[in-house]
C-alpha atoms as a PDB file:
ATOM      1  CA  MET A   1       0.107   0.035  -0.012  1.00  0.00           C
ATOM      2  CA  ILE A   2       1.444   3.159  -1.007  1.00  0.00           C
ATOM      3  CA  ASP A   3       1.478   5.362   2.521  1.00  0.00           C
ATOM      4  CA  LEU A   4       2.559   8.796   3.862  1.00  0.00           C
ATOM      5  CA  PRO A   5       5.744   6.840   5.459  1.00  0.00           C
ATOM      6  CA  LEU A   6       6.382   4.797   2.329  1.00  0.00           C
ATOM      7  CA  ILE A   7       6.451   8.177   0.125  1.00  0.00           C
ATOM      8  CA  LEU A   8       8.915  10.350   2.278  1.00  0.00           C
ATOM      9  CA  ALA A   9      10.970   7.120   2.714  1.00  0.00           C
ATOM     10  CA  LEU A  10      11.233   6.367  -1.155  1.00  0.00           C
ATOM     11  CA  SER A  11      11.683  10.102  -1.664  1.00  0.00           C
ATOM     12  CA  ALA A  12      14.695  10.873   0.890  1.00  0.00           C
ATOM     13  CA  TYR A  13      16.265   7.854  -0.303  1.00  0.00           C
ATOM     14  CA  TYR A  14      15.961   9.122  -3.869  1.00  0.00           C
ATOM     15  CA  PHE A  15      16.975  12.583  -2.743  1.00  0.00           C
ATOM     16  CA  ALA A  16      20.158  11.224  -1.066  1.00  0.00           C
ATOM     17  CA  MET A  17      20.946   9.241  -3.886  1.00  0.00           C
ATOM     18  CA  PHE A  18      20.671  11.700  -6.674  1.00  0.00           C
ATOM     19  CA  ILE A  19      22.008  14.738  -5.032  1.00  0.00           C
ATOM     20  CA  THR A  20      25.438  13.056  -3.870  1.00  0.00           C
ATOM     21  CA  PRO A  21      28.466  13.007  -6.389  1.00  0.00           C
ATOM     22  CA  GLY A  22      28.859  10.154  -8.877  1.00  0.00           C
ATOM     23  CA  PRO A  23      29.087   9.873 -12.379  1.00  0.00           C
ATOM     24  CA  ASN A  24      26.503  12.065 -13.928  1.00  0.00           C
ATOM     25  CA  ASN A  25      26.811  14.847 -11.954  1.00  0.00           C
ATOM     26  CA  THR A  26      30.552  15.120 -12.860  1.00  0.00           C
ATOM     27  CA  MET A  27      29.254  14.588 -16.118  1.00  0.00           C
ATOM     28  CA  LEU A  28      26.543  17.394 -15.505  1.00  0.00           C
ATOM     29  CA  THR A  29      28.869  19.530 -13.938  1.00  0.00           C
ATOM     30  CA  ILE A  30      31.100  19.527 -16.793  1.00  0.00           C
ATOM     31  CA  SER A  31      28.851  19.645 -19.441  1.00  0.00           C
ATOM     32  CA  GLY A  32      27.696  23.129 -17.593  1.00  0.00           C
ATOM     33  CA  ILE A  33      30.803  24.564 -17.549  1.00  0.00           C
ATOM     34  CA  LYS A  34      31.866  23.500 -21.425  1.00  0.00           C
ATOM     35  CA  PHE A  35      28.208  24.223 -22.499  1.00  0.00           C
ATOM     36  CA  GLY A  36      26.365  26.270 -20.440  1.00  0.00           C
ATOM     37  CA  PHE A  37      22.985  24.944 -18.529  1.00  0.00           C
ATOM     38  CA  LYS A  38      20.794  25.417 -21.669  1.00  0.00           C
ATOM     39  CA  ASP A  39      22.903  23.193 -23.776  1.00  0.00           C
ATOM     40  CA  THR A  40      22.580  20.628 -20.942  1.00  0.00           C
ATOM     41  CA  ILE A  41      19.175  20.137 -20.713  1.00  0.00           C
ATOM     42  CA  PRO A  42      18.831  17.153 -22.852  1.00  0.00           C
ATOM     43  CA  HIS A  43      21.526  15.929 -21.225  1.00  0.00           C
ATOM     44  CA  ILE A  44      19.621  16.357 -17.834  1.00  0.00           C
ATOM     45  CA  PHE A  45      15.980  14.892 -19.418  1.00  0.00           C
ATOM     46  CA  GLY A  46      18.162  12.290 -20.663  1.00  0.00           C
ATOM     47  CA  ILE A  47      19.397  10.774 -16.966  1.00  0.00           C
ATOM     48  CA  SER A  48      16.116  11.620 -15.654  1.00  0.00           C
ATOM     49  CA  SER A  49      14.243   9.337 -18.500  1.00  0.00           C
ATOM     50  CA  GLY A  50      17.000   6.789 -18.827  1.00  0.00           C
ATOM     51  CA  HIS A  51      17.040   6.101 -15.246  1.00  0.00           C
ATOM     52  CA  ALA A  52      13.376   5.861 -14.770  1.00  0.00           C
ATOM     53  CA  ILE A  53      12.870   3.417 -17.477  1.00  0.00           C
ATOM     54  CA  GLN A  54      15.984   1.406 -15.761  1.00  0.00           C
ATOM     55  CA  ILE A  55      13.649   1.568 -12.246  1.00  0.00           C
ATOM     56  CA  SER A  56      10.659   0.364 -13.915  1.00  0.00           C
ATOM     57  CA  LEU A  57      12.093  -2.699 -15.723  1.00  0.00           C
ATOM     58  CA  VAL A  58      13.901  -3.576 -12.250  1.00  0.00           C
ATOM     59  CA  CYS A  59      10.401  -3.490 -10.561  1.00  0.00           C
ATOM     60  CA  LEU A  60       9.000  -6.102 -13.453  1.00  0.00           C
ATOM     61  CA  GLY A  61      11.567  -8.269 -12.484  1.00  0.00           C
ATOM     62  CA  LEU A  62      15.126  -7.492 -14.705  1.00  0.00           C
ATOM     63  CA  GLY A  63      16.388  -7.160 -10.922  1.00  0.00           C
ATOM     64  CA  SER A  64      16.219 -10.955 -10.466  1.00  0.00           C
ATOM     65  CA  LEU A  65      18.748 -11.206 -13.270  1.00  0.00           C
ATOM     66  CA  PHE A  66      21.133  -9.508 -11.204  1.00  0.00           C
ATOM     67  CA  GLN A  67      20.597 -11.805  -8.609  1.00  0.00           C
ATOM     68  CA  LYS A  68      20.872 -14.753 -10.186  1.00  0.00           C
ATOM     69  CA  PHE A  69      23.720 -13.516 -12.146  1.00  0.00           C
ATOM     70  CA  PRO A  70      25.635 -10.854 -10.224  1.00  0.00           C
ATOM     71  CA  GLN A  71      28.528 -11.209 -12.773  1.00  0.00           C
ATOM     72  CA  ILE A  72      26.473  -9.113 -14.801  1.00  0.00           C
ATOM     73  CA  GLN A  73      27.269  -5.728 -12.206  1.00  0.00           C
ATOM     74  CA  GLU A  74      31.000  -6.247 -12.622  1.00  0.00           C
ATOM     75  CA  TYR A  75      30.846  -6.373 -16.197  1.00  0.00           C
ATOM     76  CA  LEU A  76      28.950  -3.083 -16.145  1.00  0.00           C
ATOM     77  CA  LYS A  77      31.354  -1.279 -14.060  1.00  0.00           C
ATOM     78  CA  TRP A  78      34.139  -2.217 -16.172  1.00  0.00           C
ATOM     79  CA  LEU A  79      31.689  -0.887 -19.211  1.00  0.00           C
ATOM     80  CA  CYS A  80      31.225   2.514 -17.089  1.00  0.00           C
ATOM     81  CA  LEU A  81      35.093   2.770 -16.170  1.00  0.00           C
ATOM     82  CA  ILE A  82      35.755   2.515 -20.284  1.00  0.00           C
ATOM     83  CA  TYR A  83      33.028   5.350 -20.947  1.00  0.00           C
ATOM     84  CA  LEU A  84      34.049   7.427 -18.307  1.00  0.00           C
ATOM     85  CA  LEU A  85      38.176   7.126 -19.501  1.00  0.00           C
ATOM     86  CA  TYR A  86      37.153   7.636 -22.694  1.00  0.00           C
ATOM     87  CA  LEU A  87      34.935  10.716 -21.331  1.00  0.00           C
ATOM     88  CA  ALA A  88      37.612  11.986 -19.509  1.00  0.00           C
ATOM     89  CA  TRP A  89      39.744  11.894 -22.755  1.00  0.00           C
ATOM     90  CA  SER A  90      38.101  13.534 -24.686  1.00  0.00           C
ATOM     91  CA  MET A  91      37.856  16.542 -22.636  1.00  0.00           C
ATOM     92  CA  ILE A  92      41.262  17.220 -22.287  1.00  0.00           C
ATOM     93  CA  GLY A  93      42.056  16.659 -25.961  1.00  0.00           C
ATOM     94  CA  SER A  94      39.109  19.598 -25.955  1.00  0.00           C
ATOM     95  CA  ILE A  95      41.272  21.865 -24.684  1.00  0.00           C
ATOM     96  CA  LYS A  96      43.432  22.709 -28.266  1.00  0.00           C
ATOM     97  CA  ASP A  97      41.618  26.229 -29.039  1.00  0.00           C
ATOM     98  CA  HIS A  98      40.716  28.191 -26.185  1.00  0.00           C
ATOM     99  CA  GLU A  99      38.498  30.869 -28.758  1.00  0.00           C
ATOM    100  CA  VAL A 100      36.576  27.799 -30.453  1.00  0.00           C
ATOM    101  CA  GLN A 101      34.389  25.624 -28.356  1.00  0.00           C
ATOM    102  CA  SER A 102      34.740  21.959 -29.496  1.00  0.00           C
ATOM    103  CA  GLY A 103      32.919  19.216 -28.489  1.00  0.00           C
ATOM    104  CA  ARG A 104      29.123  19.550 -28.071  1.00  0.00           C
ATOM    105  CA  PRO A 105      27.400  18.029 -24.717  1.00  0.00           C
ATOM    106  CA  LEU A 106      25.729  14.497 -24.321  1.00  0.00           C
ATOM    107  CA  LYS A 107      22.309  14.290 -26.511  1.00  0.00           C
ATOM    108  CA  PHE A 108      19.674  12.963 -24.857  1.00  0.00           C
ATOM    109  CA  TYR A 109      19.262   9.519 -26.026  1.00  0.00           C
ATOM    110  CA  GLU A 110      23.371   9.235 -25.376  1.00  0.00           C
ATOM    111  CA  ALA A 111      22.299  10.468 -21.737  1.00  0.00           C
ATOM    112  CA  SER A 112      19.399   7.616 -21.095  1.00  0.00           C
ATOM    113  CA  LEU A 113      21.781   4.761 -22.336  1.00  0.00           C
ATOM    114  CA  PHE A 114      24.511   5.705 -20.106  1.00  0.00           C
ATOM    115  CA  GLN A 115      22.432   4.620 -17.173  1.00  0.00           C
ATOM    116  CA  TRP A 116      22.628   0.936 -18.369  1.00  0.00           C
ATOM    117  CA  VAL A 117      26.468   0.944 -18.122  1.00  0.00           C
ATOM    118  CA  ASN A 118      26.337   2.944 -14.423  1.00  0.00           C
ATOM    119  CA  PRO A 119      26.760   1.062 -11.717  1.00  0.00           C
ATOM    120  CA  LYS A 120      25.305   3.694  -8.944  1.00  0.00           C
ATOM    121  CA  ALA A 121      22.167   3.823 -11.010  1.00  0.00           C
ATOM    122  CA  TRP A 122      21.689   0.046 -10.831  1.00  0.00           C
ATOM    123  CA  THR A 123      22.156   0.300  -7.261  1.00  0.00           C
ATOM    124  CA  ILE A 124      19.590   2.802  -6.801  1.00  0.00           C
ATOM    125  CA  ALA A 125      17.391   0.814  -9.101  1.00  0.00           C
ATOM    126  CA  ILE A 126      17.820  -2.336  -7.271  1.00  0.00           C
ATOM    127  CA  MET A 127      17.573  -0.705  -4.014  1.00  0.00           C
ATOM    128  CA  ALA A 128      13.585   0.863  -4.986  1.00  0.00           C
ATOM    129  CA  GLY A 129      12.653  -2.013  -6.505  1.00  0.00           C
ATOM    130  CA  THR A 130      13.565  -4.415  -3.431  1.00  0.00           C
ATOM    131  CA  ALA A 131      13.308  -2.345  -0.613  1.00  0.00           C
ATOM    132  CA  PHE A 132      10.672   0.271  -1.291  1.00  0.00           C
ATOM    133  CA  PHE A 133       8.287  -1.447  -3.618  1.00  0.00           C
ATOM    134  CA  PRO A 134       4.837  -1.887  -2.271  1.00  0.00           C
ATOM    135  CA  ARG A 135       4.186  -5.538  -3.192  1.00  0.00           C
ATOM    136  CA  GLU A 136       0.566  -5.733  -2.055  1.00  0.00           C
ATOM    137  CA  GLU A 137      -0.184  -2.385  -4.550  1.00  0.00           C
ATOM    138  CA  ASN A 138      -1.219  -3.124  -8.072  1.00  0.00           C
ATOM    139  CA  ILE A 139       1.719  -3.937 -10.305  1.00  0.00           C
ATOM    140  CA  LEU A 140       1.184  -1.041 -12.805  1.00  0.00           C
ATOM    141  CA  ILE A 141       0.639   1.338 -10.201  1.00  0.00           C
ATOM    142  CA  ALA A 142       3.175   0.396  -7.920  1.00  0.00           C
ATOM    143  CA  VAL A 143       5.950   0.797 -10.928  1.00  0.00           C
ATOM    144  CA  MET A 144       4.134   4.195 -11.663  1.00  0.00           C
ATOM    145  CA  PHE A 145       5.097   5.239  -8.299  1.00  0.00           C
ATOM    146  CA  VAL A 146       8.217   3.920  -7.678  1.00  0.00           C
ATOM    147  CA  CYS A 147       9.012   5.442 -11.506  1.00  0.00           C
ATOM    148  CA  ILE A 148       7.494   8.623 -11.595  1.00  0.00           C
ATOM    149  CA  SER A 149       9.455   9.706  -7.661  1.00  0.00           C
ATOM    150  CA  ALA A 150      12.720   8.252  -9.504  1.00  0.00           C
ATOM    151  CA  PHE A 151      11.648  10.982 -12.128  1.00  0.00           C
ATOM    152  CA  LEU A 152      10.071  13.767 -10.147  1.00  0.00           C
ATOM    153  CA  ILE A 153      13.131  13.846  -7.808  1.00  0.00           C
ATOM    154  CA  ASN A 154      15.923  12.996 -10.128  1.00  0.00           C
ATOM    155  CA  LEU A 155      15.335  16.208 -12.281  1.00  0.00           C
ATOM    156  CA  PRO A 156      15.762  18.997  -9.720  1.00  0.00           C
ATOM    157  CA  CYS A 157      18.709  17.282  -8.281  1.00  0.00           C
ATOM    158  CA  ILE A 158      20.569  16.563 -11.021  1.00  0.00           C
ATOM    159  CA  SER A 159      19.887  19.898 -12.431  1.00  0.00           C
ATOM    160  CA  VAL A 160      21.561  21.526  -9.424  1.00  0.00           C
ATOM    161  CA  TRP A 161      25.110  20.433 -10.691  1.00  0.00           C
ATOM    162  CA  ALA A 162      24.226  21.340 -14.388  1.00  0.00           C
ATOM    163  CA  LEU A 163      23.465  24.841 -12.656  1.00  0.00           C
ATOM    164  CA  PHE A 164      26.633  24.837 -10.447  1.00  0.00           C
ATOM    165  CA  GLY A 165      28.814  24.089 -13.203  1.00  0.00           C
ATOM    166  CA  ALA A 166      27.409  26.719 -15.540  1.00  0.00           C
ATOM    167  CA  SER A 167      27.683  29.464 -13.025  1.00  0.00           C
ATOM    168  CA  LEU A 168      31.585  28.235 -12.722  1.00  0.00           C
ATOM    169  CA  LYS A 169      31.489  29.331 -16.605  1.00  0.00           C
ATOM    170  CA  LYS A 170      30.514  33.041 -15.834  1.00  0.00           C
ATOM    171  CA  TYR A 171      33.462  33.264 -13.856  1.00  0.00           C
ATOM    172  CA  ILE A 172      36.285  31.375 -15.699  1.00  0.00           C
ATOM    173  CA  LYS A 173      37.379  34.022 -18.113  1.00  0.00           C
ATOM    174  CA  ASN A 174      40.991  32.589 -17.766  1.00  0.00           C
ATOM    175  CA  HIS A 175      42.247  30.143 -20.203  1.00  0.00           C
ATOM    176  CA  LEU A 176      44.428  28.502 -18.057  1.00  0.00           C
ATOM    177  CA  LEU A 177      41.984  28.314 -14.917  1.00  0.00           C
ATOM    178  CA  LYS A 178      39.382  26.926 -17.545  1.00  0.00           C
ATOM    179  CA  LYS A 179      42.167  24.494 -18.207  1.00  0.00           C
ATOM    180  CA  ILE A 180      43.159  23.602 -15.295  1.00  0.00           C
ATOM    181  CA  ILE A 181      39.267  23.088 -14.338  1.00  0.00           C
ATOM    182  CA  GLU A 182      38.693  20.743 -17.187  1.00  0.00           C
ATOM    183  CA  TYR A 183      41.684  18.926 -15.766  1.00  0.00           C
ATOM    184  CA  PHE A 184      40.639  18.373 -12.339  1.00  0.00           C
ATOM    185  CA  PHE A 185      36.939  17.084 -13.581  1.00  0.00           C
ATOM    186  CA  SER A 186      39.220  14.724 -16.229  1.00  0.00           C
ATOM    187  CA  ILE A 187      40.975  13.294 -13.416  1.00  0.00           C
ATOM    188  CA  LEU A 188      37.509  13.346 -11.519  1.00  0.00           C
ATOM    189  CA  LEU A 189      35.499  11.273 -13.919  1.00  0.00           C
ATOM    190  CA  VAL A 190      39.133   8.666 -13.933  1.00  0.00           C
ATOM    191  CA  LEU A 191      38.620   8.279 -10.151  1.00  0.00           C
ATOM    192  CA  THR A 192      35.171   7.887  -9.846  1.00  0.00           C
ATOM    193  CA  GLY A 193      35.191   5.062 -12.627  1.00  0.00           C
ATOM    194  CA  ILE A 194      38.027   3.686 -10.864  1.00  0.00           C
ATOM    195  CA  TYR A 195      35.625   3.849  -7.504  1.00  0.00           C
ATOM    196  CA  LEU A 196      33.138   2.243  -8.807  1.00  0.00           C
ATOM    197  CA  VAL A 197      35.283  -0.842 -10.136  1.00  0.00           C
ATOM    198  CA  ILE A 198      37.053  -1.129  -6.519  1.00  0.00           C
END
């Protein structure tokens, strides 16, 4: 049954997981710095939508696949690491010409698809689908509750990180400082990937 204690517990869980640093939030901060908030909006909606779909599928039974075959999560961790290394390398490579903005923000579908190799996203989805799923409720209502709650809480939480990056962009007039910040976030992406694998 969906009641107030469940709503509050799920909301608190989602907020804590979505607002804290992770691959998505690091990538959004970088995108905000490089491209501004407006151009990062498709990336934001891609994350929220892709993650909501992921949570829905976990609630509908995909989560049991990970319980039967835990090695799948290990493969996903390595895929995530490879992708984060690629992003870090691409970012460093984009600093060649400071006068011309190179590269582009992630598209909606790219951000959505990234959730499928993001171990933090899988952890959130599996936990939501097991600990907070109202099993006595109609299956469709229960899935919609967990899924829509995720989307509505995820969207403002991750937007904060894109806004943070965009606000930094306004103050970064010095090209050397911009380069240092981009290298810093490249290293942060690499460390995030290594942490997820370890």
